[in-house]
Amino acid sequence: MKPEEVYGKVLKEIRNARGISQEKLALMGNLDRTFISLLERGLRQPSLTSILQIAEALNEQPHIMIKKVKDILDENIED
C-alpha cells in the first residue's frame, strides 16, 4: 500500500470511531468534504497543514496518526 492509502485508512478509522461524518470533519477542519473523501480513498496526499487541521478536528495528536501509518507500512514490508 502507498502511504497516502494507509493515511486514508487511518483517517477513516479514527473518524468513524469518533462518530464524525466526512461533512462534519470537513467543517471542523476548515476543509472541503470532497477532499476528506479523496484522502480516505487514498487519492490525494495530505499536506502538513491539512494533517494538522484534521488531527485537531479529530482531537488526535498528529504524530499518533503518522505513527499508525508508519506501523502499517512497516507491517506490509515485513509480509
PDB file of N, CA and C in Angstrom:
ATOM      1  N   MET A   1       0.838  -1.188   0.000  1.00  0.00           N
ATOM      2  CA  MET A   1       0.000   0.000   0.000  1.00  0.00           C
ATOM      3  C   MET A   1       0.881   1.248   0.000  1.00  0.00           C
ATOM      4  N   LYS A   2       0.367   2.277  -0.614  1.00  0.00           N
ATOM      5  CA  LYS A   2       1.058   3.565  -0.635  1.00  0.00           C
ATOM      6  C   LYS A   2       0.769   4.314   0.667  1.00  0.00           C
ATOM      7  N   PRO A   3       1.680   5.187   1.079  1.00  0.00           N
ATOM      8  CA  PRO A   3       1.455   5.942   2.320  1.00  0.00           C
ATOM      9  C   PRO A   3       0.130   6.712   2.333  1.00  0.00           C
ATOM     10  N   GLU A   4      -0.232   7.310   1.205  1.00  0.00           N
ATOM     11  CA  GLU A   4      -1.486   8.075   1.186  1.00  0.00           C
ATOM     12  C   GLU A   4      -2.706   7.169   1.343  1.00  0.00           C
ATOM     13  N   GLU A   5      -2.613   5.922   0.873  1.00  0.00           N
ATOM     14  CA  GLU A   5      -3.714   4.976   1.054  1.00  0.00           C
ATOM     15  C   GLU A   5      -3.834   4.581   2.524  1.00  0.00           C
ATOM     16  N   VAL A   6      -2.692   4.358   3.154  1.00  0.00           N
ATOM     17  CA  VAL A   6      -2.695   3.996   4.574  1.00  0.00           C
ATOM     18  C   VAL A   6      -3.189   5.170   5.418  1.00  0.00           C
ATOM     19  N   TYR A   7      -2.745   6.389   5.095  1.00  0.00           N
ATOM     20  CA  TYR A   7      -3.226   7.560   5.833  1.00  0.00           C
ATOM     21  C   TYR A   7      -4.751   7.645   5.721  1.00  0.00           C
ATOM     22  N   GLY A   8      -5.278   7.424   4.534  1.00  0.00           N
ATOM     23  CA  GLY A   8      -6.722   7.458   4.342  1.00  0.00           C
ATOM     24  C   GLY A   8      -7.443   6.430   5.186  1.00  0.00           C
ATOM     25  N   LYS A   9      -6.862   5.242   5.269  1.00  0.00           N
ATOM     26  CA  LYS A   9      -7.452   4.181   6.083  1.00  0.00           C
ATOM     27  C   LYS A   9      -7.444   4.567   7.561  1.00  0.00           C
ATOM     28  N   VAL A  10      -6.317   5.078   8.039  1.00  0.00           N
ATOM     29  CA  VAL A  10      -6.202   5.512   9.437  1.00  0.00           C
ATOM     30  C   VAL A  10      -7.182   6.650   9.724  1.00  0.00           C
ATOM     31  N   LEU A  11      -7.242   7.612   8.834  1.00  0.00           N
ATOM     32  CA  LEU A  11      -8.164   8.740   8.987  1.00  0.00           C
ATOM     33  C   LEU A  11      -9.603   8.254   9.105  1.00  0.00           C
ATOM     34  N   LYS A  12      -9.996   7.380   8.208  1.00  0.00           N
ATOM     35  CA  LYS A  12     -11.374   6.878   8.209  1.00  0.00           C
ATOM     36  C   LYS A  12     -11.682   6.104   9.490  1.00  0.00           C
ATOM     37  N   GLU A  13     -10.738   5.278   9.936  1.00  0.00           N
ATOM     38  CA  GLU A  13     -10.946   4.511  11.167  1.00  0.00           C
ATOM     39  C   GLU A  13     -11.136   5.435  12.369  1.00  0.00           C
ATOM     40  N   ILE A  14     -10.299   6.443  12.485  1.00  0.00           N
ATOM     41  CA  ILE A  14     -10.407   7.379  13.615  1.00  0.00           C
ATOM     42  C   ILE A  14     -11.705   8.175  13.519  1.00  0.00           C
ATOM     43  N   ARG A  15     -12.018   8.651  12.319  1.00  0.00           N
ATOM     44  CA  ARG A  15     -13.243   9.442  12.126  1.00  0.00           C
ATOM     45  C   ARG A  15     -14.475   8.615  12.490  1.00  0.00           C
ATOM     46  N   ASN A  16     -14.527   7.374  12.005  1.00  0.00           N
ATOM     47  CA  ASN A  16     -15.673   6.513  12.304  1.00  0.00           C
ATOM     48  C   ASN A  16     -15.749   6.174  13.789  1.00  0.00           C
ATOM     49  N   ALA A  17     -14.599   5.932  14.417  1.00  0.00           N
ATOM     50  CA  ALA A  17     -14.582   5.620  15.849  1.00  0.00           C
ATOM     51  C   ALA A  17     -15.127   6.783  16.678  1.00  0.00           C
ATOM     52  N   ARG A  18     -14.960   7.987  16.184  1.00  0.00           N
ATOM     53  CA  ARG A  18     -15.444   9.179  16.892  1.00  0.00           C
ATOM     54  C   ARG A  18     -16.883   9.540  16.485  1.00  0.00           C
ATOM     55  N   GLY A  19     -17.432   8.799  15.518  1.00  0.00           N
ATOM     56  CA  GLY A  19     -18.801   9.053  15.084  1.00  0.00           C
ATOM     57  C   GLY A  19     -18.974  10.371  14.360  1.00  0.00           C
ATOM     58  N   ILE A  20     -17.947  10.762  13.608  1.00  0.00           N
ATOM     59  CA  ILE A  20     -17.969  12.039  12.894  1.00  0.00           C
ATOM     60  C   ILE A  20     -18.126  11.773  11.399  1.00  0.00           C
ATOM     61  N   SER A  21     -19.038  12.471  10.761  1.00  0.00           N
ATOM     62  CA  SER A  21     -19.217  12.333   9.315  1.00  0.00           C
ATOM     63  C   SER A  21     -18.100  13.070   8.576  1.00  0.00           C
ATOM     64  N   GLN A  22     -17.926  12.725   7.318  1.00  0.00           N
ATOM     65  CA  GLN A  22     -16.951  13.444   6.492  1.00  0.00           C
ATOM     66  C   GLN A  22     -17.297  14.927   6.444  1.00  0.00           C
ATOM     67  N   GLU A  23     -18.564  15.214   6.313  1.00  0.00           N
ATOM     68  CA  GLU A  23     -19.002  16.610   6.220  1.00  0.00           C
ATOM     69  C   GLU A  23     -18.681  17.384   7.505  1.00  0.00           C
ATOM     70  N   LYS A  24     -18.955  16.759   8.653  1.00  0.00           N
ATOM     71  CA  LYS A  24     -18.677  17.432   9.923  1.00  0.00           C
ATOM     72  C   LYS A  24     -17.171  17.612  10.118  1.00  0.00           C
ATOM     73  N   LEU A  25     -16.387  16.588   9.765  1.00  0.00           N
ATOM     74  CA  LEU A  25     -14.931  16.706   9.883  1.00  0.00           C
ATOM     75  C   LEU A  25     -14.411  17.832   9.000  1.00  0.00           C
ATOM     76  N   ALA A  26     -14.924  17.897   7.782  1.00  0.00           N
ATOM     77  CA  ALA A  26     -14.504  18.962   6.866  1.00  0.00           C
ATOM     78  C   ALA A  26     -14.818  20.334   7.459  1.00  0.00           C
ATOM     79  N   LEU A  27     -15.992  20.478   8.012  1.00  0.00           N
ATOM     80  CA  LEU A  27     -16.390  21.746   8.627  1.00  0.00           C
ATOM     81  C   LEU A  27     -15.498  22.083   9.823  1.00  0.00           C
ATOM     82  N   MET A  28     -15.256  21.103  10.665  1.00  0.00           N
ATOM     83  CA  MET A  28     -14.431  21.312  11.859  1.00  0.00           C
ATOM     84  C   MET A  28     -12.976  21.626  11.498  1.00  0.00           C
ATOM     85  N   GLY A  29     -12.494  21.049  10.394  1.00  0.00           N
ATOM     86  CA  GLY A  29     -11.111  21.247   9.991  1.00  0.00           C
ATOM     87  C   GLY A  29     -10.912  22.334   8.958  1.00  0.00           C
ATOM     88  N   ASN A  30     -12.012  23.022   8.614  1.00  0.00           N
ATOM     89  CA  ASN A  30     -11.951  24.078   7.597  1.00  0.00           C
ATOM     90  C   ASN A  30     -11.425  23.536   6.260  1.00  0.00           C
ATOM     91  N   LEU A  31     -11.962  22.363   5.879  1.00  0.00           N
ATOM     92  CA  LEU A  31     -11.588  21.699   4.631  1.00  0.00           C
ATOM     93  C   LEU A  31     -12.851  21.372   3.851  1.00  0.00           C
ATOM     94  N   ASP A  32     -12.681  20.909   2.638  1.00  0.00           N
ATOM     95  CA  ASP A  32     -13.810  20.526   1.802  1.00  0.00           C
ATOM     96  C   ASP A  32     -14.133  19.045   2.010  1.00  0.00           C
ATOM     97  N   ARG A  33     -15.414  18.697   2.046  1.00  0.00           N
ATOM     98  CA  ARG A  33     -15.811  17.309   2.246  1.00  0.00           C
ATOM     99  C   ARG A  33     -15.247  16.402   1.171  1.00  0.00           C
ATOM    100  N   THR A  34     -15.215  16.875  -0.070  1.00  0.00           N
ATOM    101  CA  THR A  34     -14.682  16.026  -1.139  1.00  0.00           C
ATOM    102  C   THR A  34     -13.195  15.750  -0.931  1.00  0.00           C
ATOM    103  N   PHE A  35     -12.476  16.691  -0.332  1.00  0.00           N
ATOM    104  CA  PHE A  35     -11.063  16.475  -0.029  1.00  0.00           C
ATOM    105  C   PHE A  35     -10.911  15.363   1.009  1.00  0.00           C
ATOM    106  N   ILE A  36     -11.763  15.366   2.028  1.00  0.00           N
ATOM    107  CA  ILE A  36     -11.741  14.306   3.039  1.00  0.00           C
ATOM    108  C   ILE A  36     -12.009  12.963   2.372  1.00  0.00           C
ATOM    109  N   SER A  37     -12.987  12.918   1.493  1.00  0.00           N
ATOM    110  CA  SER A  37     -13.310  11.688   0.774  1.00  0.00           C
ATOM    111  C   SER A  37     -12.127  11.203  -0.060  1.00  0.00           C
ATOM    112  N   LEU A  38     -11.491  12.119  -0.774  1.00  0.00           N
ATOM    113  CA  LEU A  38     -10.328  11.758  -1.593  1.00  0.00           C
ATOM    114  C   LEU A  38      -9.177  11.252  -0.721  1.00  0.00           C
ATOM    115  N   LEU A  39      -8.964  11.880   0.425  1.00  0.00           N
ATOM    116  CA  LEU A  39      -7.928  11.414   1.347  1.00  0.00           C
ATOM    117  C   LEU A  39      -8.229  10.003   1.829  1.00  0.00           C
ATOM    118  N   GLU A  40      -9.465   9.769   2.232  1.00  0.00           N
ATOM    119  CA  GLU A  40      -9.834   8.463   2.772  1.00  0.00           C
ATOM    120  C   GLU A  40      -9.718   7.354   1.729  1.00  0.00           C
ATOM    121  N   ARG A  41      -9.872   7.698   0.480  1.00  0.00           N
ATOM    122  CA  ARG A  41      -9.732   6.698  -0.589  1.00  0.00           C
ATOM    123  C   ARG A  41      -8.299   6.604  -1.103  1.00  0.00           C
ATOM    124  N   GLY A  42      -7.403   7.383  -0.514  1.00  0.00           N
ATOM    125  CA  GLY A  42      -6.004   7.335  -0.911  1.00  0.00           C
ATOM    126  C   GLY A  42      -5.721   7.976  -2.243  1.00  0.00           C
ATOM    127  N   LEU A  43      -6.602   8.870  -2.670  1.00  0.00           N
ATOM    128  CA  LEU A  43      -6.458   9.509  -3.977  1.00  0.00           C
ATOM    129  C   LEU A  43      -5.776  10.870  -3.906  1.00  0.00           C
ATOM    130  N   ARG A  44      -5.523  11.354  -2.693  1.00  0.00           N
ATOM    131  CA  ARG A  44      -4.813  12.620  -2.503  1.00  0.00           C
ATOM    132  C   ARG A  44      -3.805  12.454  -1.373  1.00  0.00           C
ATOM    133  N   GLN A  45      -2.712  13.177  -1.490  1.00  0.00           N
ATOM    134  CA  GLN A  45      -1.722  13.213  -0.415  1.00  0.00           C
ATOM    135  C   GLN A  45      -2.009  14.435   0.452  1.00  0.00           C
ATOM    136  N   PRO A  46      -2.074  14.238   1.760  1.00  0.00           N
ATOM    137  CA  PRO A  46      -2.341  15.386   2.626  1.00  0.00           C
ATOM    138  C   PRO A  46      -1.110  16.269   2.767  1.00  0.00           C
ATOM    139  N   SER A  47      -1.332  17.552   2.838  1.00  0.00           N
ATOM    140  CA  SER A  47      -0.238  18.485   3.139  1.00  0.00           C
ATOM    141  C   SER A  47      -0.030  18.489   4.652  1.00  0.00           C
ATOM    142  N   LEU A  48       1.061  19.054   5.082  1.00  0.00           N
ATOM    143  CA  LEU A  48       1.310  19.176   6.519  1.00  0.00           C
ATOM    144  C   LEU A  48       0.197  19.990   7.174  1.00  0.00           C
ATOM    145  N   THR A  49      -0.228  21.035   6.512  1.00  0.00           N
ATOM    146  CA  THR A  49      -1.309  21.873   7.049  1.00  0.00           C
ATOM    147  C   THR A  49      -2.590  21.072   7.221  1.00  0.00           C
ATOM    148  N   SER A  50      -2.954  20.282   6.204  1.00  0.00           N
ATOM    149  CA  SER A  50      -4.199  19.514   6.314  1.00  0.00           C
ATOM    150  C   SER A  50      -4.076  18.405   7.361  1.00  0.00           C
ATOM    151  N   ILE A  51      -2.890  17.803   7.501  1.00  0.00           N
ATOM    152  CA  ILE A  51      -2.686  16.802   8.554  1.00  0.00           C
ATOM    153  C   ILE A  51      -2.944  17.441   9.921  1.00  0.00           C
ATOM    154  N   LEU A  52      -2.410  18.634  10.128  1.00  0.00           N
ATOM    155  CA  LEU A  52      -2.596  19.329  11.403  1.00  0.00           C
ATOM    156  C   LEU A  52      -4.053  19.725  11.626  1.00  0.00           C
ATOM    157  N   GLN A  53      -4.719  20.219  10.583  1.00  0.00           N
ATOM    158  CA  GLN A  53      -6.129  20.618  10.704  1.00  0.00           C
ATOM    159  C   GLN A  53      -7.004  19.411  11.030  1.00  0.00           C
ATOM    160  N   ILE A  54      -6.762  18.304  10.342  1.00  0.00           N
ATOM    161  CA  ILE A  54      -7.565  17.100  10.556  1.00  0.00           C
ATOM    162  C   ILE A  54      -7.332  16.547  11.955  1.00  0.00           C
ATOM    163  N   ALA A  55      -6.078  16.475  12.367  1.00  0.00           N
ATOM    164  CA  ALA A  55      -5.769  15.961  13.702  1.00  0.00           C
ATOM    165  C   ALA A  55      -6.445  16.807  14.781  1.00  0.00           C
ATOM    166  N   GLU A  56      -6.375  18.117  14.631  1.00  0.00           N
ATOM    167  CA  GLU A  56      -7.019  18.996  15.613  1.00  0.00           C
ATOM    168  C   GLU A  56      -8.529  18.785  15.626  1.00  0.00           C
ATOM    169  N   ALA A  57      -9.129  18.672  14.455  1.00  0.00           N
ATOM    170  CA  ALA A  57     -10.578  18.465  14.375  1.00  0.00           C
ATOM    171  C   ALA A  57     -10.988  17.134  15.010  1.00  0.00           C
ATOM    172  N   LEU A  58     -10.127  16.130  14.901  1.00  0.00           N
ATOM    173  CA  LEU A  58     -10.411  14.810  15.476  1.00  0.00           C
ATOM    174  C   LEU A  58      -9.965  14.704  16.934  1.00  0.00           C
ATOM    175  N   ASN A  59      -9.374  15.782  17.455  1.00  0.00           N
ATOM    176  CA  ASN A  59      -8.831  15.774  18.815  1.00  0.00           C
ATOM    177  C   ASN A  59      -7.818  14.637  18.977  1.00  0.00           C
ATOM    178  N   GLU A  60      -6.950  14.530  17.995  1.00  0.00           N
ATOM    179  CA  GLU A  60      -5.918  13.492  17.947  1.00  0.00           C
ATOM    180  C   GLU A  60      -4.568  14.161  17.745  1.00  0.00           C
ATOM    181  N   GLN A  61      -3.538  13.615  18.318  1.00  0.00           N
ATOM    182  CA  GLN A  61      -2.194  14.138  18.106  1.00  0.00           C
ATOM    183  C   GLN A  61      -1.723  13.729  16.712  1.00  0.00           C
ATOM    184  N   PRO A  62      -1.231  14.661  15.901  1.00  0.00           N
ATOM    185  CA  PRO A  62      -0.812  14.320  14.542  1.00  0.00           C
ATOM    186  C   PRO A  62       0.268  13.244  14.508  1.00  0.00           C
ATOM    187  N   HIS A  63       1.181  13.275  15.474  1.00  0.00           N
ATOM    188  CA  HIS A  63       2.245  12.267  15.456  1.00  0.00           C
ATOM    189  C   HIS A  63       1.705  10.864  15.728  1.00  0.00           C
ATOM    190  N   ILE A  64       0.609  10.758  16.450  1.00  0.00           N
ATOM    191  CA  ILE A  64      -0.014   9.451  16.690  1.00  0.00           C
ATOM    192  C   ILE A  64      -0.590   8.915  15.384  1.00  0.00           C
ATOM    193  N   MET A  65      -1.243   9.777  14.623  1.00  0.00           N
ATOM    194  CA  MET A  65      -1.795   9.347  13.331  1.00  0.00           C
ATOM    195  C   MET A  65      -0.675   8.910  12.389  1.00  0.00           C
ATOM    196  N   ILE A  66       0.406   9.686  12.343  1.00  0.00           N
ATOM    197  CA  ILE A  66       1.525   9.363  11.458  1.00  0.00           C
ATOM    198  C   ILE A  66       2.194   8.064  11.903  1.00  0.00           C
ATOM    199  N   LYS A  67       2.310   7.844  13.213  1.00  0.00           N
ATOM    200  CA  LYS A  67       2.901   6.602  13.706  1.00  0.00           C
ATOM    201  C   LYS A  67       2.051   5.406  13.302  1.00  0.00           C
ATOM    202  N   LYS A  68       0.734   5.540  13.360  1.00  0.00           N
ATOM    203  CA  LYS A  68      -0.147   4.451  12.926  1.00  0.00           C
ATOM    204  C   LYS A  68       0.091   4.135  11.457  1.00  0.00           C
ATOM    205  N   VAL A  69       0.247   5.171  10.646  1.00  0.00           N
ATOM    206  CA  VAL A  69       0.533   4.973   9.218  1.00  0.00           C
ATOM    207  C   VAL A  69       1.856   4.236   9.062  1.00  0.00           C
ATOM    208  N   LYS A  70       2.875   4.688   9.748  1.00  0.00           N
ATOM    209  CA  LYS A  70       4.197   4.060   9.643  1.00  0.00           C
ATOM    210  C   LYS A  70       4.163   2.610  10.103  1.00  0.00           C
ATOM    211  N   ASP A  71       3.463   2.332  11.198  1.00  0.00           N
ATOM    212  CA  ASP A  71       3.368   0.960  11.700  1.00  0.00           C
ATOM    213  C   ASP A  71       2.724   0.038  10.669  1.00  0.00           C
ATOM    214  N   ILE A  72       1.670   0.498  10.025  1.00  0.00           N
ATOM    215  CA  ILE A  72       1.001  -0.313   8.999  1.00  0.00           C
ATOM    216  C   ILE A  72       1.924  -0.518   7.805  1.00  0.00           C
ATOM    217  N   LEU A  73       2.598   0.535   7.384  1.00  0.00           N
ATOM    218  CA  LEU A  73       3.534   0.411   6.264  1.00  0.00           C
ATOM    219  C   LEU A  73       4.657  -0.566   6.603  1.00  0.00           C
ATOM    220  N   ASP A  74       5.171  -0.496   7.829  1.00  0.00           N
ATOM    221  CA  ASP A  74       6.229  -1.417   8.256  1.00  0.00           C
ATOM    222  C   ASP A  74       5.739  -2.858   8.275  1.00  0.00           C
ATOM    223  N   GLU A  75       4.495  -3.077   8.711  1.00  0.00           N
ATOM    224  CA  GLU A  75       3.915  -4.424   8.709  1.00  0.00           C
ATOM    225  C   GLU A  75       3.833  -4.966   7.292  1.00  0.00           C
ATOM    226  N   ASN A  76       3.452  -4.119   6.351  1.00  0.00           N
ATOM    227  CA  ASN A  76       3.323  -4.555   4.960  1.00  0.00           C
ATOM    228  C   ASN A  76       4.674  -4.903   4.355  1.00  0.00           C
ATOM    229  N   ILE A  77       5.727  -4.218   4.774  1.00  0.00           N
ATOM    230  CA  ILE A  77       7.070  -4.518   4.271  1.00  0.00           C
ATOM    231  C   ILE A  77       7.510  -5.892   4.760  1.00  0.00           C
ATOM    232  N   GLU A  78       7.155  -6.220   6.000  1.00  0.00           N
ATOM    233  CA  GLU A  78       7.556  -7.494   6.589  1.00  0.00           C
ATOM    234  C   GLU A  78       6.821  -8.672   5.974  1.00  0.00           C
ATOM    235  N   ASP A  79       5.648  -8.448   5.417  1.00  0.00           N
ATOM    236  CA  ASP A  79       4.849  -9.544   4.831  1.00  0.00           C
ATOM    237  C   ASP A  79       5.426 -10.060   3.549  1.00  0.00           C
TER     238      ASP A  79
END
